[in-house]
N, C-alpha and C. Protein backbone atom coordinates (compact mmCIF):
# COMPACT_ATOMS: atom_id res chain seq x y z
N MET A 1 157.57 192.91 88.64
CA MET A 1 157.57 193.42 87.02
C MET A 1 158.36 192.66 86.20
N ASN A 2 159.41 192.04 86.10
CA ASN A 2 160.38 192.25 85.01
C ASN A 2 159.84 190.30 84.58
N LYS A 3 159.53 189.61 85.65
CA LYS A 3 158.30 188.40 85.25
C LYS A 3 157.32 188.97 83.84
N ARG A 4 156.47 189.32 84.66
CA ARG A 4 155.68 190.46 83.31
C ARG A 4 156.55 190.90 82.22
N ALA A 5 157.42 192.01 82.21
CA ALA A 5 158.29 192.37 80.78
C ALA A 5 158.46 191.62 80.22
N ASN A 6 158.93 190.53 80.95
CA ASN A 6 159.80 189.60 79.88
C ASN A 6 158.49 188.79 79.05
N SER A 7 156.94 188.78 79.98
CA SER A 7 156.21 188.30 79.40
C SER A 7 155.70 188.79 77.95
N PHE A 8 156.22 190.43 78.13
CA PHE A 8 155.21 191.29 77.14
C PHE A 8 156.86 190.98 75.31
N LEU A 9 158.01 191.24 76.30
CA LEU A 9 158.79 190.86 75.12
C LEU A 9 158.83 190.00 74.66
N LYS A 10 158.24 187.93 75.13
CA LYS A 10 158.57 187.32 74.34
C LYS A 10 157.10 187.24 73.51
N LYS A 11 155.77 188.33 74.18
CA LYS A 11 155.12 187.51 73.00
C LYS A 11 155.20 188.99 72.02
N GLY A 12 156.15 189.62 72.08
CA GLY A 12 156.22 190.47 71.34
C GLY A 12 156.98 189.76 69.81
N ILE A 13 158.25 188.89 70.26
CA ILE A 13 158.61 188.08 69.38
C ILE A 13 157.83 187.23 68.89
N GLU A 14 156.58 186.40 69.59
CA GLU A 14 156.06 185.47 68.92
C GLU A 14 155.03 185.70 67.74
N ASN A 15 154.83 187.77 68.02
CA ASN A 15 153.92 188.29 66.62
C ASN A 15 154.53 188.76 65.30
N LEU A 16 156.20 189.24 65.92
CA LEU A 16 156.84 189.27 64.80
C LEU A 16 157.36 188.24 64.29
N VAL A 17 157.26 186.91 64.47
CA VAL A 17 157.46 185.91 63.85
C VAL A 17 156.24 185.96 62.92
N ASP A 18 154.99 185.67 63.41
CA ASP A 18 153.76 185.28 63.14
C ASP A 18 153.73 186.07 61.63
N ALA A 19 153.93 187.73 62.22
CA ALA A 19 154.26 188.55 61.19
C ALA A 19 154.71 187.90 59.18
N ASN A 20 155.78 187.84 60.08
CA ASN A 20 157.20 187.40 59.06
C ASN A 20 156.85 186.48 58.29
N GLU A 21 156.41 185.78 58.41
CA GLU A 21 155.82 184.18 57.77
C GLU A 21 154.65 184.26 57.36
N GLU A 22 153.82 185.39 57.49
CA GLU A 22 152.81 185.40 57.03
C GLU A 22 153.14 186.40 55.46
N LEU A 23 154.66 187.02 55.70
CA LEU A 23 154.75 188.02 54.66
C LEU A 23 155.78 187.28 53.74
N PHE A 24 156.37 186.05 53.67
CA PHE A 24 156.62 184.38 53.38
C PHE A 24 155.95 184.01 52.19
N ARG A 25 154.73 184.38 52.10
CA ARG A 25 153.59 183.49 51.39
C ARG A 25 153.81 184.48 49.75
N PRO A 26 153.40 183.77 49.32
CA PRO A 26 153.06 184.12 48.05
C PRO A 26 152.12 185.66 47.63
N GLU A 27 152.27 186.70 46.77
CA GLU A 27 151.86 188.03 47.59
C GLU A 27 150.36 187.59 47.40
N GLU A 28 149.70 186.81 46.80
CA GLU A 28 148.34 186.34 46.45
C GLU A 28 147.57 185.95 47.73
N ASP A 29 148.38 185.13 48.49
CA ASP A 29 147.98 184.20 49.57
C ASP A 29 147.32 185.41 50.51
N ILE A 30 148.55 186.48 50.75
CA ILE A 30 149.16 186.83 51.51
C ILE A 30 147.91 187.44 52.68
N VAL A 31 147.79 187.15 54.00
CA VAL A 31 146.76 188.15 54.52
C VAL A 31 146.82 189.16 55.14
N THR A 32 146.50 190.30 54.81
CA THR A 32 146.69 192.21 55.24
C THR A 32 146.68 191.69 56.96
N TYR A 33 145.94 191.45 57.00
CA TYR A 33 144.97 191.17 58.24
C TYR A 33 145.67 190.90 59.32
N SER A 34 147.25 189.88 58.60
CA SER A 34 147.21 188.87 60.32
C SER A 34 148.80 190.32 60.62
N VAL A 35 149.77 190.38 58.47
CA VAL A 35 150.26 190.99 58.99
C VAL A 35 150.84 192.69 60.04
N CYS A 36 149.48 192.74 59.88
CA CYS A 36 149.08 194.38 60.46
C CYS A 36 148.25 193.97 61.98
N LYS A 37 147.76 193.22 62.36
CA LYS A 37 147.35 192.54 63.63
C LYS A 37 148.87 192.70 63.98
N ASN A 38 149.96 191.01 63.75
CA ASN A 38 150.92 190.98 64.53
C ASN A 38 151.83 191.62 64.78
N SER A 39 151.96 192.11 63.61
CA SER A 39 153.12 193.85 63.70
C SER A 39 152.55 194.82 64.83
N GLN A 40 151.72 195.34 64.78
CA GLN A 40 150.67 195.97 65.62
C GLN A 40 151.54 195.24 66.96
N TYR A 41 150.45 194.63 67.35
CA TYR A 41 150.89 193.61 68.49
C TYR A 41 152.33 193.43 68.85
N ALA A 42 152.78 193.36 68.41
CA ALA A 42 154.64 193.07 68.17
C ALA A 42 155.46 194.46 68.69
N ILE A 43 154.86 195.58 68.30
CA ILE A 43 155.51 196.41 68.61
C ILE A 43 154.85 197.20 70.15
N GLU A 44 153.38 196.92 70.24
CA GLU A 44 152.53 197.23 71.86
C GLU A 44 153.36 196.88 72.22
N ASN A 45 153.51 195.47 72.20
CA ASN A 45 154.34 194.35 73.53
C ASN A 45 155.71 194.52 73.48
N TYR A 46 156.39 194.92 72.55
CA TYR A 46 158.07 194.95 72.65
C TYR A 46 157.53 196.80 73.65
N LEU A 47 156.92 197.91 73.40
CA LEU A 47 157.00 198.82 74.04
C LEU A 47 156.76 198.48 75.45
N LYS A 48 155.78 197.81 75.59
CA LYS A 48 155.03 197.88 77.28
C LYS A 48 156.21 196.84 78.15
N GLY A 49 157.19 196.08 77.14
CA GLY A 49 158.03 195.46 77.51
C GLY A 49 159.06 195.78 78.11
N TYR A 50 159.75 197.02 77.37
CA TYR A 50 161.03 197.96 77.83
C TYR A 50 160.23 198.98 78.97
N LEU A 51 159.19 199.63 79.27
CA LEU A 51 158.00 200.33 80.10
C LEU A 51 158.48 199.70 81.29
N LEU A 52 157.71 198.32 81.89
CA LEU A 52 158.16 197.38 82.33
C LEU A 52 159.22 196.81 82.93
N LYS A 53 160.21 197.02 82.24
CA LYS A 53 161.86 196.35 82.12
C LYS A 53 162.15 198.11 83.58
N ASN A 54 161.63 198.91 82.43
CA ASN A 54 162.04 200.34 83.26
C ASN A 54 161.41 200.63 85.16
N ASN A 55 160.76 199.92 85.07
CA ASN A 55 159.40 200.49 86.03
C ASN A 55 158.51 201.37 86.24
N VAL A 56 157.78 201.33 84.78
CA VAL A 56 157.06 202.03 84.90
C VAL A 56 155.40 201.38 84.05
N GLU A 57 154.68 202.11 84.47
CA GLU A 57 153.82 201.57 84.88
C GLU A 57 152.86 201.21 83.49
N ILE A 58 152.18 201.05 82.85
CA ILE A 58 151.89 201.03 81.24
C ILE A 58 150.10 200.84 81.11
N GLY A 59 149.44 201.21 82.72
CA GLY A 59 148.01 201.05 82.77
C GLY A 59 147.42 201.80 82.10
N GLU A 60 147.62 203.12 81.94
CA GLU A 60 146.67 204.22 81.00
C GLU A 60 147.19 204.38 79.63
N LEU A 61 148.31 204.07 79.54
CA LEU A 61 149.03 204.26 78.36
C LEU A 61 148.64 202.97 77.16
N LYS A 62 147.16 203.71 76.11
CA LYS A 62 147.01 203.12 75.35
C LYS A 62 147.12 203.19 74.14
N THR A 63 148.24 203.67 73.24
CA THR A 63 147.89 203.78 72.08
C THR A 63 149.37 203.77 71.67
N ILE A 64 150.10 203.03 70.51
CA ILE A 64 151.45 203.23 70.52
C ILE A 64 152.54 204.30 70.70
N SER A 65 151.81 205.66 70.16
CA SER A 65 152.01 206.61 70.51
C SER A 65 153.19 207.02 72.16
N LEU A 66 151.61 206.82 72.72
CA LEU A 66 151.75 207.06 74.29
C LEU A 66 153.41 206.10 74.71
N LEU A 67 153.25 205.48 74.70
CA LEU A 67 154.67 204.04 74.87
C LEU A 67 155.30 204.26 74.51
N LEU A 68 155.44 204.58 73.14
CA LEU A 68 156.81 205.32 72.94
C LEU A 68 157.48 206.69 72.96
N GLU A 69 156.16 207.59 73.94
CA GLU A 69 156.93 209.07 74.28
C GLU A 69 157.48 208.12 75.64
N GLN A 70 156.88 207.49 76.37
CA GLN A 70 157.35 207.25 77.94
C GLN A 70 158.34 206.33 77.40
N CYS A 71 158.92 205.99 77.03
CA CYS A 71 159.97 204.89 75.97
C CYS A 71 161.30 206.10 75.72
N ILE A 72 161.12 206.85 74.88
CA ILE A 72 162.37 208.06 74.97
C ILE A 72 161.82 209.34 75.74
N LEU A 73 161.20 209.14 76.74
CA LEU A 73 161.28 209.98 78.13
C LEU A 73 163.06 209.16 78.99
N ILE A 74 162.53 207.54 79.05
CA ILE A 74 163.38 206.63 79.65
C ILE A 74 164.97 206.43 78.91
N ASN A 75 164.79 206.81 77.52
CA ASN A 75 166.18 206.51 76.88
C ASN A 75 165.98 207.33 75.24
N ALA A 76 166.51 208.30 74.94
CA ALA A 76 166.46 209.63 74.14
C ALA A 76 167.17 208.41 73.18
N ASN A 77 167.37 207.43 72.91
CA ASN A 77 168.21 206.75 71.09
C ASN A 77 166.37 206.06 70.15
N PHE A 78 165.54 206.21 71.31
CA PHE A 78 164.39 205.41 70.74
C PHE A 78 163.76 207.05 69.92
N LYS A 79 164.40 207.72 69.53
CA LYS A 79 163.48 208.83 69.08
C LYS A 79 164.52 208.41 67.63
N LYS A 80 165.75 207.53 67.31
CA LYS A 80 166.19 207.25 66.23
C LYS A 80 165.76 206.60 65.64
N LEU A 81 164.36 205.66 65.99
CA LEU A 81 163.20 204.49 65.57
C LEU A 81 162.49 205.91 64.51
N ASP A 82 162.38 205.27 63.14
CA ASP A 82 160.86 205.77 62.44
C ASP A 82 159.85 205.09 62.47
N PHE A 83 158.71 205.57 63.12
CA PHE A 83 157.10 204.90 63.73
C PHE A 83 156.78 205.81 62.39
N SER A 84 157.01 206.64 61.69
CA SER A 84 155.65 207.79 60.89
C SER A 84 154.93 206.93 60.07
N ASP A 85 155.39 205.84 59.28
CA ASP A 85 154.60 204.84 58.71
C ASP A 85 153.43 204.30 59.36
N ILE A 86 153.39 204.29 60.29
CA ILE A 86 152.61 203.75 61.54
C ILE A 86 151.88 204.41 61.21
N ASP A 87 150.41 204.68 60.50
CA ASP A 87 149.31 205.08 60.78
C ASP A 87 148.03 205.04 61.62
N CYS A 88 148.52 204.07 63.26
CA CYS A 88 147.54 204.01 63.75
C CYS A 88 148.28 203.68 65.30
N LYS A 89 149.24 204.93 65.20
CA LYS A 89 149.94 204.88 66.47
C LYS A 89 149.44 205.79 67.23
N LEU A 90 148.26 206.33 66.72
CA LEU A 90 147.91 207.77 67.54
C LEU A 90 146.44 207.26 68.58
N SER A 91 146.01 206.31 68.38
CA SER A 91 144.79 205.06 68.82
C SER A 91 144.87 203.86 68.55
N GLU A 92 144.06 203.09 69.77
CA GLU A 92 144.29 201.83 69.77
C GLU A 92 144.00 201.29 68.27
N ILE A 93 144.61 200.14 69.15
CA ILE A 93 144.87 199.00 67.91
C ILE A 93 144.02 198.67 67.30
N ASP A 94 143.51 198.57 66.01
CA ASP A 94 142.09 198.16 65.98
C ASP A 94 142.13 197.72 63.84
N SER A 95 141.49 197.40 63.17
CA SER A 95 142.04 196.68 61.73
C SER A 95 141.93 198.13 60.19
N ARG A 96 141.10 199.56 60.48
CA ARG A 96 141.32 200.22 59.31
C ARG A 96 142.50 200.59 59.11
N TYR A 97 143.35 199.99 59.52
CA TYR A 97 144.79 200.52 58.53
C TYR A 97 145.06 199.52 57.31
N CYS A 98 144.81 198.30 58.14
CA CYS A 98 144.73 196.91 57.40
C CYS A 98 144.98 196.60 56.33
N ASN A 99 144.92 197.25 55.13
CA ASN A 99 144.23 197.15 53.58
C ASN A 99 145.22 197.21 52.57
N SER A 100 146.75 197.11 52.54
CA SER A 100 147.59 196.94 51.96
C SER A 100 148.70 196.54 51.86
N ILE A 101 149.12 195.38 50.85
CA ILE A 101 150.64 194.50 51.15
C ILE A 101 151.75 195.28 51.96
N ASP A 102 152.11 196.74 50.70
CA ASP A 102 153.08 198.01 50.95
C ASP A 102 152.67 198.37 52.67
N LYS A 103 151.35 199.18 52.77
CA LYS A 103 150.88 199.61 53.40
C LYS A 103 151.52 198.60 55.43
N VAL A 104 150.82 196.94 55.23
CA VAL A 104 151.28 196.49 56.45
C VAL A 104 152.38 195.64 56.48
N LYS A 105 153.81 196.11 54.78
CA LYS A 105 155.29 195.76 54.99
C LYS A 105 155.51 197.23 55.45
N SER A 106 155.14 198.01 55.21
CA SER A 106 155.84 198.98 57.02
C SER A 106 155.64 199.27 57.70
N CYS A 107 154.87 198.45 58.46
CA CYS A 107 154.36 198.73 59.67
C CYS A 107 155.16 197.24 59.91
N PHE A 108 155.71 196.03 59.35
CA PHE A 108 155.74 194.74 59.29
C PHE A 108 157.72 195.83 59.91
N ASP A 109 158.43 196.52 59.04
CA ASP A 109 159.48 196.57 59.20
C ASP A 109 159.58 197.92 60.67
N VAL A 110 159.00 198.70 60.47
CA VAL A 110 158.76 199.28 62.25
C VAL A 110 159.29 198.32 63.15
N ALA A 111 158.12 197.39 63.04
CA ALA A 111 158.25 195.96 64.20
C ALA A 111 159.58 195.75 64.00
N ASP A 112 160.18 194.90 62.89
CA ASP A 112 161.32 194.02 62.82
C ASP A 112 162.87 195.99 63.34
N ASN A 113 162.21 196.95 62.63
CA ASN A 113 163.60 197.41 63.77
C ASN A 113 163.66 197.82 65.14
N LEU A 114 162.41 198.09 65.50
CA LEU A 114 162.30 197.67 66.85
C LEU A 114 162.69 197.09 67.68
N ASP A 115 162.26 195.21 67.14
CA ASP A 115 163.09 194.08 67.32
C ASP A 115 165.08 194.65 67.93
N THR A 116 165.68 195.00 66.20
CA THR A 116 166.95 195.22 65.98
C THR A 116 167.19 195.90 67.39
N PHE A 117 166.85 197.57 67.37
CA PHE A 117 167.00 198.27 68.62
C PHE A 117 166.72 197.15 70.00
N LEU A 118 165.55 196.38 70.68
CA LEU A 118 165.46 196.16 71.44
C LEU A 118 166.85 195.51 71.80
N ARG A 119 167.32 193.95 70.72
CA ARG A 119 168.98 193.91 71.28
C ARG A 119 169.87 194.51 70.93
N GLN A 120 169.84 195.53 70.38
CA GLN A 120 171.59 195.66 70.05
C GLN A 120 171.18 196.74 72.13
N GLU A 121 170.12 197.03 72.38
CA GLU A 121 170.52 197.61 73.56
C GLU A 121 169.59 196.68 75.23
N LYS A 122 170.03 195.13 74.46
CA LYS A 122 170.46 194.07 75.36
C LYS A 122 168.92 194.11 76.13
N ILE A 123 168.11 194.55 75.32
CA ILE A 123 167.18 194.28 76.40
C ILE A 123 165.83 192.68 75.80
N ILE A 124 166.18 192.39 74.58
CA ILE A 124 165.44 190.86 74.02
C ILE A 124 167.12 190.30 74.06
């Protein structure tokens, strides 16, 4: 299961890098959909990777909110992370929330904070 966990964590890092690269474009050239999707997938992949590292099966956990709840059960420090700016956390990942630069920057910030948290916890 560790190989699978590491695969999710590696993919999360790649998603975050892709979102960050998109945000470095001039504002008029930013593709908000790309930032949104990569940020969402980074969050999802990080949470799945963390759960798998802790031997939690993720099959039925279809939303960011459900994944986060399971992570909190393992490590209460996850409560310190603020996921309130993510409108899509209660639904399966889709694109209806990817409409403004400010919104996708907020989603990116959540993904980036999760990355920092996992590095501090020595998960990645």
